[in-house]
Amino acid sequence: MPEGLEASKRGPRVGAATPPFEALDQFGRKQTFETIRGPAGALIVFIRSADW
């Protein structure tokens, strides 16, 4: 972690509510947390590509 970066700026805390978001899925359809959440919840993984 870069020096001087506070823990509070690294991301949401464990157990925090999911912030609202919209993203396109692999078929080009807009998805939100509400549209992907199932009865057991959801696992959301963000991967940073080297192509960015």
N, C-alpha and C. Protein backbone atom coordinates (compact mmCIF):
# COMPACT_ATOMS: atom_id res chain seq x y z
N MET A 1 0.85 -1.17 0.00
CA MET A 1 0.00 0.00 0.00
C MET A 1 0.90 1.24 0.00
N PRO A 2 0.59 2.24 -0.84
CA PRO A 2 1.42 3.44 -0.87
C PRO A 2 1.47 4.13 0.49
N GLU A 3 2.63 4.70 0.79
CA GLU A 3 2.77 5.42 2.05
C GLU A 3 1.78 6.57 2.12
N GLY A 4 1.24 6.79 3.30
CA GLY A 4 0.34 7.91 3.51
C GLY A 4 -1.11 7.63 3.13
N LEU A 5 -1.40 6.46 2.59
CA LEU A 5 -2.78 6.15 2.24
C LEU A 5 -3.48 5.59 3.46
N GLU A 6 -4.46 6.32 3.96
CA GLU A 6 -5.17 5.90 5.16
C GLU A 6 -6.04 4.68 4.88
N ALA A 7 -6.22 3.86 5.89
CA ALA A 7 -7.05 2.67 5.75
C ALA A 7 -8.47 3.03 5.33
N SER A 8 -8.97 4.17 5.78
CA SER A 8 -10.34 4.56 5.45
C SER A 8 -10.51 4.88 3.97
N LYS A 9 -9.43 5.10 3.24
CA LYS A 9 -9.51 5.44 1.82
C LYS A 9 -9.28 4.23 0.91
N ARG A 10 -9.07 3.05 1.47
CA ARG A 10 -8.80 1.85 0.69
C ARG A 10 -10.06 1.23 0.11
N GLY A 11 -11.20 1.51 0.66
CA GLY A 11 -12.44 0.92 0.17
C GLY A 11 -13.45 0.78 1.30
N PRO A 12 -14.58 0.14 1.01
CA PRO A 12 -15.61 -0.02 2.03
C PRO A 12 -15.12 -0.93 3.17
N ARG A 13 -15.66 -0.72 4.33
CA ARG A 13 -15.33 -1.56 5.48
C ARG A 13 -16.07 -2.89 5.38
N VAL A 14 -15.53 -3.91 5.99
CA VAL A 14 -16.19 -5.21 6.03
C VAL A 14 -17.56 -5.04 6.68
N GLY A 15 -18.58 -5.56 6.03
CA GLY A 15 -19.94 -5.48 6.54
C GLY A 15 -20.70 -4.24 6.13
N ALA A 16 -20.03 -3.31 5.43
CA ALA A 16 -20.69 -2.09 4.98
C ALA A 16 -21.67 -2.41 3.86
N ALA A 17 -22.69 -1.59 3.73
CA ALA A 17 -23.66 -1.75 2.64
C ALA A 17 -22.99 -1.51 1.30
N THR A 18 -23.44 -2.22 0.29
CA THR A 18 -22.91 -2.03 -1.06
C THR A 18 -23.33 -0.67 -1.60
N PRO A 19 -22.39 0.15 -2.05
CA PRO A 19 -22.79 1.43 -2.63
C PRO A 19 -23.53 1.21 -3.95
N PRO A 20 -24.43 2.11 -4.33
CA PRO A 20 -25.14 1.94 -5.59
C PRO A 20 -24.16 1.94 -6.77
N PHE A 21 -24.40 1.06 -7.74
CA PHE A 21 -23.57 1.03 -8.93
C PHE A 21 -24.36 0.48 -10.09
N GLU A 22 -23.89 0.78 -11.29
CA GLU A 22 -24.42 0.21 -12.53
C GLU A 22 -23.21 -0.20 -13.36
N ALA A 23 -23.31 -1.38 -14.00
CA ALA A 23 -22.24 -1.87 -14.86
C ALA A 23 -22.86 -2.72 -15.95
N LEU A 24 -22.18 -2.78 -17.08
CA LEU A 24 -22.65 -3.63 -18.17
C LEU A 24 -22.12 -5.04 -17.97
N ASP A 25 -22.99 -6.03 -18.19
CA ASP A 25 -22.54 -7.41 -18.11
C ASP A 25 -21.95 -7.85 -19.44
N GLN A 26 -21.58 -9.13 -19.55
CA GLN A 26 -20.93 -9.61 -20.77
C GLN A 26 -21.84 -9.59 -21.99
N PHE A 27 -23.15 -9.38 -21.78
CA PHE A 27 -24.10 -9.30 -22.89
C PHE A 27 -24.52 -7.86 -23.19
N GLY A 28 -23.90 -6.89 -22.50
CA GLY A 28 -24.21 -5.49 -22.73
C GLY A 28 -25.44 -4.99 -21.98
N ARG A 29 -25.99 -5.81 -21.07
CA ARG A 29 -27.16 -5.39 -20.29
C ARG A 29 -26.71 -4.69 -19.02
N LYS A 30 -27.42 -3.62 -18.65
CA LYS A 30 -27.10 -2.88 -17.44
C LYS A 30 -27.51 -3.69 -16.22
N GLN A 31 -26.60 -3.83 -15.28
CA GLN A 31 -26.85 -4.57 -14.05
C GLN A 31 -26.59 -3.66 -12.85
N THR A 32 -27.33 -3.90 -11.78
CA THR A 32 -27.11 -3.23 -10.50
C THR A 32 -26.98 -4.32 -9.45
N PHE A 33 -26.64 -3.96 -8.24
CA PHE A 33 -26.54 -4.97 -7.19
C PHE A 33 -27.88 -5.67 -7.00
N GLU A 34 -28.96 -4.92 -7.09
CA GLU A 34 -30.29 -5.50 -6.92
C GLU A 34 -30.61 -6.52 -8.01
N THR A 35 -30.12 -6.32 -9.23
CA THR A 35 -30.46 -7.26 -10.31
C THR A 35 -29.58 -8.51 -10.28
N ILE A 36 -28.43 -8.48 -9.62
CA ILE A 36 -27.57 -9.66 -9.58
C ILE A 36 -27.66 -10.43 -8.26
N ARG A 37 -28.20 -9.79 -7.24
CA ARG A 37 -28.25 -10.42 -5.92
C ARG A 37 -29.21 -11.60 -5.93
N GLY A 38 -28.77 -12.71 -5.40
CA GLY A 38 -29.60 -13.90 -5.29
C GLY A 38 -30.02 -14.10 -3.84
N PRO A 39 -30.68 -15.22 -3.54
CA PRO A 39 -31.15 -15.46 -2.18
C PRO A 39 -30.02 -15.57 -1.15
N ALA A 40 -28.83 -15.96 -1.59
CA ALA A 40 -27.69 -16.08 -0.68
C ALA A 40 -26.76 -14.87 -0.77
N GLY A 41 -27.15 -13.83 -1.51
CA GLY A 41 -26.31 -12.65 -1.67
C GLY A 41 -25.58 -12.68 -2.99
N ALA A 42 -24.44 -12.01 -3.05
CA ALA A 42 -23.65 -11.96 -4.28
C ALA A 42 -22.19 -11.73 -3.92
N LEU A 43 -21.33 -12.23 -4.77
CA LEU A 43 -19.90 -11.98 -4.64
C LEU A 43 -19.50 -11.13 -5.83
N ILE A 44 -18.96 -9.97 -5.57
CA ILE A 44 -18.56 -9.05 -6.64
C ILE A 44 -17.04 -8.94 -6.59
N VAL A 45 -16.40 -9.26 -7.72
CA VAL A 45 -14.94 -9.23 -7.79
C VAL A 45 -14.55 -8.21 -8.87
N PHE A 46 -13.70 -7.27 -8.51
CA PHE A 46 -13.20 -6.28 -9.45
C PHE A 46 -11.75 -6.63 -9.74
N ILE A 47 -11.41 -6.76 -11.01
CA ILE A 47 -10.06 -7.09 -11.42
C ILE A 47 -9.51 -5.96 -12.28
N ARG A 48 -8.38 -5.46 -11.90
CA ARG A 48 -7.76 -4.41 -12.69
C ARG A 48 -6.91 -5.05 -13.77
N SER A 49 -7.17 -4.67 -14.99
CA SER A 49 -6.46 -5.24 -16.14
C SER A 49 -5.19 -4.46 -16.42
N ALA A 50 -4.22 -5.13 -16.95
CA ALA A 50 -2.99 -4.46 -17.36
C ALA A 50 -3.20 -3.60 -18.60
N ASP A 51 -4.34 -3.78 -19.27
CA ASP A 51 -4.64 -3.03 -20.49
C ASP A 51 -5.20 -1.63 -20.22
N TRP A 52 -5.42 -1.28 -18.95
CA TRP A 52 -6.01 0.02 -18.65
C TRP A 52 -5.03 1.07 -18.93
